[in-house]
Amino acid sequence: MFRRIYEDIRAMRKRDPAAKGWLEVLCCYPGLHAVWAHRIAHRLWTGGGAGERFVARLLSHLVRLLTGVEIHPGADLGRRVTIDHGMGVVIGETAEIGDDVHMYHGVTLGGATNEPVKRHPTVESGVQLGANATLLGNITIGEDAAVGAGSVVTQDVEPGATVVGVPAERVE
């Protein structure tokens, strides 16, 4: 557990030039606090019955109140996922996020149907999601892709591609 926290702190210091030291990141980065609490909630969600799922939802709700970041306990997050600034981030129940993903405030990984199916995006490893980017539906954002700030993505994004705009389109 402590090794993963250390990994997260190192990742945030690497990705955010404003992060001056490990203590600052440990104490003052609500996006990381939300990710750490999500790990606990996700373990409760996936490993328990109705009582544990209720506790997981309650924990995620309390974390949202404290950090402004809402991560459903069913969402699957990889290693070294960092959320810079955090406020307004929403990650839905069936979202899958790979390793080394970095996102900024206001990012939404939302659903596009009310059916009980995979309805949230899959974000592969190494992706960067700009501020207020909105990804909707069961789509895949390929490895090492980038989504520009304010973009709305409703279709798959190829690995390594950069997309911007509403609707999001690839740029070279």
C-alpha atoms as a PDB file:
ATOM      1  CA  MET A   1       0.000   0.000   0.000  1.00  0.00           C
ATOM      2  CA  PHE A   2       2.735   2.478   0.928  1.00  0.00           C
ATOM      3  CA  ARG A   3       4.657   1.636  -2.239  1.00  0.00           C
ATOM      4  CA  ARG A   4       1.617   2.566  -4.346  1.00  0.00           C
ATOM      5  CA  ILE A   5       1.181   5.838  -2.451  1.00  0.00           C
ATOM      6  CA  TYR A   6       4.851   6.607  -3.057  1.00  0.00           C
ATOM      7  CA  GLU A   7       4.397   5.780  -6.773  1.00  0.00           C
ATOM      8  CA  ASP A   8       1.441   8.163  -6.944  1.00  0.00           C
ATOM      9  CA  ILE A   9       3.354  10.971  -5.247  1.00  0.00           C
ATOM     10  CA  ARG A  10       6.301  10.499  -7.619  1.00  0.00           C
ATOM     11  CA  ALA A  11       3.947  10.467 -10.609  1.00  0.00           C
ATOM     12  CA  MET A  12       2.254  13.700  -9.525  1.00  0.00           C
ATOM     13  CA  ARG A  13       5.585  15.422  -8.907  1.00  0.00           C
ATOM     14  CA  LYS A  14       6.712  14.357 -12.376  1.00  0.00           C
ATOM     15  CA  ARG A  15       3.517  15.582 -14.090  1.00  0.00           C
ATOM     16  CA  ASP A  16       2.903  18.812 -12.176  1.00  0.00           C
ATOM     17  CA  PRO A  17       5.690  21.414 -12.176  1.00  0.00           C
ATOM     18  CA  ALA A  18       3.887  23.243  -9.353  1.00  0.00           C
ATOM     19  CA  ALA A  19       4.425  20.274  -7.001  1.00  0.00           C
ATOM     20  CA  LYS A  20       7.399  21.412  -4.944  1.00  0.00           C
ATOM     21  CA  GLY A  21       7.830  18.460  -2.622  1.00  0.00           C
ATOM     22  CA  TRP A  22       6.489  15.112  -1.505  1.00  0.00           C
ATOM     23  CA  LEU A  23       4.878  16.517   1.659  1.00  0.00           C
ATOM     24  CA  GLU A  24       2.950  19.111  -0.348  1.00  0.00           C
ATOM     25  CA  VAL A  25       1.672  16.419  -2.711  1.00  0.00           C
ATOM     26  CA  LEU A  26       0.807  14.095   0.166  1.00  0.00           C
ATOM     27  CA  CYS A  27      -1.221  16.739   1.993  1.00  0.00           C
ATOM     28  CA  CYS A  28      -2.533  19.161  -0.635  1.00  0.00           C
ATOM     29  CA  TYR A  29      -3.582  17.222  -3.739  1.00  0.00           C
ATOM     30  CA  PRO A  30      -7.290  16.304  -3.486  1.00  0.00           C
ATOM     31  CA  GLY A  31      -7.191  14.375  -6.773  1.00  0.00           C
ATOM     32  CA  LEU A  32      -4.737  11.925  -5.242  1.00  0.00           C
ATOM     33  CA  HIS A  33      -6.763  11.738  -2.030  1.00  0.00           C
ATOM     34  CA  ALA A  34      -9.797  10.801  -4.125  1.00  0.00           C
ATOM     35  CA  VAL A  35      -7.836   8.083  -5.971  1.00  0.00           C
ATOM     36  CA  TRP A  36      -6.536   6.653  -2.697  1.00  0.00           C
ATOM     37  CA  ALA A  37     -10.008   6.563  -1.138  1.00  0.00           C
ATOM     38  CA  HIS A  38     -11.352   5.030  -4.356  1.00  0.00           C
ATOM     39  CA  ARG A  39      -8.974   2.091  -3.949  1.00  0.00           C
ATOM     40  CA  ILE A  40     -10.599   1.311  -0.611  1.00  0.00           C
ATOM     41  CA  ALA A  41     -14.130   1.811  -1.959  1.00  0.00           C
ATOM     42  CA  HIS A  42     -13.388  -0.332  -5.028  1.00  0.00           C
ATOM     43  CA  ARG A  43     -12.134  -3.176  -2.849  1.00  0.00           C
ATOM     44  CA  LEU A  44     -15.345  -3.013  -0.820  1.00  0.00           C
ATOM     45  CA  TRP A  45     -17.476  -2.806  -3.992  1.00  0.00           C
ATOM     46  CA  THR A  46     -15.885  -5.774  -5.731  1.00  0.00           C
ATOM     47  CA  GLY A  47     -15.348  -7.996  -2.722  1.00  0.00           C
ATOM     48  CA  GLY A  48     -18.499  -7.720  -0.713  1.00  0.00           C
ATOM     49  CA  GLY A  49     -22.214  -8.013  -0.537  1.00  0.00           C
ATOM     50  CA  ALA A  50     -24.903  -5.380  -0.250  1.00  0.00           C
ATOM     51  CA  GLY A  51     -23.569  -4.041   3.060  1.00  0.00           C
ATOM     52  CA  GLU A  52     -20.068  -3.552   1.724  1.00  0.00           C
ATOM     53  CA  ARG A  53     -21.406  -1.956  -1.458  1.00  0.00           C
ATOM     54  CA  PHE A  54     -23.395   0.512   0.626  1.00  0.00           C
ATOM     55  CA  VAL A  55     -20.271   1.428   2.611  1.00  0.00           C
ATOM     56  CA  ALA A  56     -18.340   1.806  -0.663  1.00  0.00           C
ATOM     57  CA  ARG A  57     -20.984   4.188  -2.044  1.00  0.00           C
ATOM     58  CA  LEU A  58     -21.071   6.126   1.218  1.00  0.00           C
ATOM     59  CA  LEU A  59     -17.273   6.455   1.199  1.00  0.00           C
ATOM     60  CA  SER A  60     -17.267   7.669  -2.413  1.00  0.00           C
ATOM     61  CA  HIS A  61     -19.967  10.207  -1.554  1.00  0.00           C
ATOM     62  CA  LEU A  62     -17.988  11.542   1.415  1.00  0.00           C
ATOM     63  CA  VAL A  63     -14.847  11.774  -0.713  1.00  0.00           C
ATOM     64  CA  ARG A  64     -16.813  13.751  -3.317  1.00  0.00           C
ATOM     65  CA  LEU A  65     -17.886  16.203  -0.618  1.00  0.00           C
ATOM     66  CA  LEU A  66     -14.297  16.623   0.575  1.00  0.00           C
ATOM     67  CA  THR A  67     -12.444  16.703  -2.750  1.00  0.00           C
ATOM     68  CA  GLY A  68     -14.931  17.589  -5.487  1.00  0.00           C
ATOM     69  CA  VAL A  69     -13.962  14.364  -7.280  1.00  0.00           C
ATOM     70  CA  GLU A  70     -16.627  11.704  -7.841  1.00  0.00           C
ATOM     71  CA  ILE A  71     -15.380   8.225  -8.665  1.00  0.00           C
ATOM     72  CA  HIS A  72     -17.945   5.430  -8.621  1.00  0.00           C
ATOM     73  CA  PRO A  73     -16.615   2.512  -6.541  1.00  0.00           C
ATOM     74  CA  GLY A  74     -17.205   0.167  -9.488  1.00  0.00           C
ATOM     75  CA  ALA A  75     -14.781   2.058 -11.750  1.00  0.00           C
ATOM     76  CA  ASP A  76     -11.472   0.293 -12.359  1.00  0.00           C
ATOM     77  CA  LEU A  77      -8.381   2.517 -12.012  1.00  0.00           C
ATOM     78  CA  GLY A  78      -4.826   1.499 -12.870  1.00  0.00           C
ATOM     79  CA  ARG A  79      -1.574   2.502 -11.210  1.00  0.00           C
ATOM     80  CA  ARG A  80      -0.242   6.044 -11.007  1.00  0.00           C
ATOM     81  CA  VAL A  81      -3.531   7.622 -12.102  1.00  0.00           C
ATOM     82  CA  THR A  82      -3.289  11.324 -11.276  1.00  0.00           C
ATOM     83  CA  ILE A  83      -5.952  14.012 -11.180  1.00  0.00           C
ATOM     84  CA  ASP A  84      -4.582  17.563 -11.189  1.00  0.00           C
ATOM     85  CA  HIS A  85      -6.796  20.092  -9.356  1.00  0.00           C
ATOM     86  CA  GLY A  86      -9.586  17.515  -9.331  1.00  0.00           C
ATOM     87  CA  MET A  87     -12.676  19.648  -8.844  1.00  0.00           C
ATOM     88  CA  GLY A  88     -15.574  18.485 -10.973  1.00  0.00           C
ATOM     89  CA  VAL A  89     -14.084  15.172 -12.129  1.00  0.00           C
ATOM     90  CA  VAL A  90     -16.734  12.453 -12.563  1.00  0.00           C
ATOM     91  CA  ILE A  91     -15.830   8.830 -13.327  1.00  0.00           C
ATOM     92  CA  GLY A  92     -18.728   6.436 -13.937  1.00  0.00           C
ATOM     93  CA  GLU A  93     -19.290   2.907 -12.692  1.00  0.00           C
ATOM     94  CA  THR A  94     -18.095   0.908 -15.700  1.00  0.00           C
ATOM     95  CA  ALA A  95     -15.177   3.173 -16.609  1.00  0.00           C
ATOM     96  CA  GLU A  96     -11.786   1.512 -16.956  1.00  0.00           C
ATOM     97  CA  ILE A  97      -8.609   3.567 -16.632  1.00  0.00           C
ATOM     98  CA  GLY A  98      -5.149   2.201 -17.398  1.00  0.00           C
ATOM     99  CA  ASP A  99      -1.809   3.023 -15.804  1.00  0.00           C
ATOM    100  CA  ASP A 100      -0.130   6.439 -15.913  1.00  0.00           C
ATOM    101  CA  VAL A 101      -3.238   8.360 -16.941  1.00  0.00           C
ATOM    102  CA  HIS A 102      -3.272  12.068 -16.093  1.00  0.00           C
ATOM    103  CA  MET A 103      -6.428  14.155 -16.052  1.00  0.00           C
ATOM    104  CA  TYR A 104      -7.263  17.724 -15.198  1.00  0.00           C
ATOM    105  CA  HIS A 105     -10.275  19.298 -13.484  1.00  0.00           C
ATOM    106  CA  GLY A 106     -13.744  18.880 -14.864  1.00  0.00           C
ATOM    107  CA  VAL A 107     -13.105  15.643 -16.767  1.00  0.00           C
ATOM    108  CA  THR A 108     -16.184  13.440 -17.185  1.00  0.00           C
ATOM    109  CA  LEU A 109     -16.129   9.749 -18.065  1.00  0.00           C
ATOM    110  CA  GLY A 110     -19.862   9.402 -18.507  1.00  0.00           C
ATOM    111  CA  GLY A 111     -22.392   6.915 -19.725  1.00  0.00           C
ATOM    112  CA  ALA A 112     -24.524   7.151 -22.835  1.00  0.00           C
ATOM    113  CA  THR A 113     -27.250   4.665 -21.900  1.00  0.00           C
ATOM    114  CA  ASN A 114     -29.292   3.668 -18.870  1.00  0.00           C
ATOM    115  CA  GLU A 115     -28.992  -0.041 -19.679  1.00  0.00           C
ATOM    116  CA  PRO A 116     -27.039  -2.258 -17.205  1.00  0.00           C
ATOM    117  CA  VAL A 117     -24.115  -2.805 -19.620  1.00  0.00           C
ATOM    118  CA  LYS A 118     -20.589  -1.425 -20.078  1.00  0.00           C
ATOM    119  CA  ARG A 119     -21.594   2.189 -20.629  1.00  0.00           C
ATOM    120  CA  HIS A 120     -18.550   4.262 -19.690  1.00  0.00           C
ATOM    121  CA  PRO A 121     -15.227   4.852 -21.473  1.00  0.00           C
ATOM    122  CA  THR A 122     -12.085   2.757 -21.370  1.00  0.00           C
ATOM    123  CA  VAL A 123      -8.996   4.952 -21.112  1.00  0.00           C
ATOM    124  CA  GLU A 124      -5.828   3.025 -21.898  1.00  0.00           C
ATOM    125  CA  SER A 125      -2.412   3.642 -20.334  1.00  0.00           C
ATOM    126  CA  GLY A 126      -0.487   6.860 -20.821  1.00  0.00           C
ATOM    127  CA  VAL A 127      -3.470   9.006 -21.819  1.00  0.00           C
ATOM    128  CA  GLN A 128      -3.761  12.693 -20.943  1.00  0.00           C
ATOM    129  CA  LEU A 129      -7.241  14.201 -20.548  1.00  0.00           C
ATOM    130  CA  GLY A 130      -7.443  18.000 -20.694  1.00  0.00           C
ATOM    131  CA  ALA A 131      -9.550  20.191 -18.429  1.00  0.00           C
ATOM    132  CA  ASN A 132     -13.301  19.768 -18.902  1.00  0.00           C
ATOM    133  CA  ALA A 133     -12.912  16.979 -21.452  1.00  0.00           C
ATOM    134  CA  THR A 134     -16.091  14.909 -21.714  1.00  0.00           C
ATOM    135  CA  LEU A 135     -15.899  11.264 -22.815  1.00  0.00           C
ATOM    136  CA  LEU A 136     -19.262   9.579 -23.286  1.00  0.00           C
ATOM    137  CA  GLY A 137     -20.281   5.982 -23.786  1.00  0.00           C
ATOM    138  CA  ASN A 138     -18.536   2.671 -24.230  1.00  0.00           C
ATOM    139  CA  ILE A 139     -15.604   4.072 -26.201  1.00  0.00           C
ATOM    140  CA  THR A 140     -11.860   3.436 -26.011  1.00  0.00           C
ATOM    141  CA  ILE A 141      -9.199   6.110 -25.789  1.00  0.00           C
ATOM    142  CA  GLY A 142      -6.070   4.391 -27.098  1.00  0.00           C
ATOM    143  CA  GLU A 143      -2.725   4.197 -25.361  1.00  0.00           C
ATOM    144  CA  ASP A 144      -0.717   7.449 -25.175  1.00  0.00           C
ATOM    145  CA  ALA A 145      -3.529   9.497 -26.743  1.00  0.00           C
ATOM    146  CA  ALA A 146      -4.371  13.048 -25.667  1.00  0.00           C
ATOM    147  CA  VAL A 147      -7.785  14.682 -25.422  1.00  0.00           C
ATOM    148  CA  GLY A 148      -7.763  18.483 -25.534  1.00  0.00           C
ATOM    149  CA  ALA A 149      -9.422  20.726 -22.984  1.00  0.00           C
ATOM    150  CA  GLY A 150     -13.161  21.125 -23.470  1.00  0.00           C
ATOM    151  CA  SER A 151     -13.380  18.353 -26.055  1.00  0.00           C
ATOM    152  CA  VAL A 152     -16.404  16.072 -26.314  1.00  0.00           C
ATOM    153  CA  VAL A 153     -15.471  12.532 -27.347  1.00  0.00           C
ATOM    154  CA  THR A 154     -18.145  10.042 -28.414  1.00  0.00           C
ATOM    155  CA  GLN A 155     -16.064   7.755 -30.650  1.00  0.00           C
ATOM    156  CA  ASP A 156     -12.909   5.679 -30.169  1.00  0.00           C
ATOM    157  CA  VAL A 157      -9.568   7.490 -30.292  1.00  0.00           C
ATOM    158  CA  GLU A 158      -6.595   5.708 -31.870  1.00  0.00           C
ATOM    159  CA  PRO A 159      -3.446   5.089 -29.798  1.00  0.00           C
ATOM    160  CA  GLY A 160      -1.093   8.080 -29.867  1.00  0.00           C
ATOM    161  CA  ALA A 161      -3.674  10.403 -31.426  1.00  0.00           C
ATOM    162  CA  THR A 162      -4.540  13.895 -30.210  1.00  0.00           C
ATOM    163  CA  VAL A 163      -8.181  14.954 -30.463  1.00  0.00           C
ATOM    164  CA  VAL A 164      -9.734  18.366 -29.849  1.00  0.00           C
ATOM    165  CA  GLY A 165     -13.059  20.118 -30.297  1.00  0.00           C
ATOM    166  CA  VAL A 166     -16.772  19.515 -30.149  1.00  0.00           C
ATOM    167  CA  PRO A 167     -17.173  16.909 -31.446  1.00  0.00           C
ATOM    168  CA  ALA A 168     -13.569  15.839 -30.974  1.00  0.00           C
ATOM    169  CA  GLU A 169     -11.529  15.411 -34.146  1.00  0.00           C
ATOM    170  CA  ARG A 170      -7.969  14.240 -34.644  1.00  0.00           C
ATOM    171  CA  VAL A 171      -5.255  16.867 -35.150  1.00  0.00           C
ATOM    172  CA  GLU A 172      -1.738  16.241 -36.422  1.00  0.00           C
END
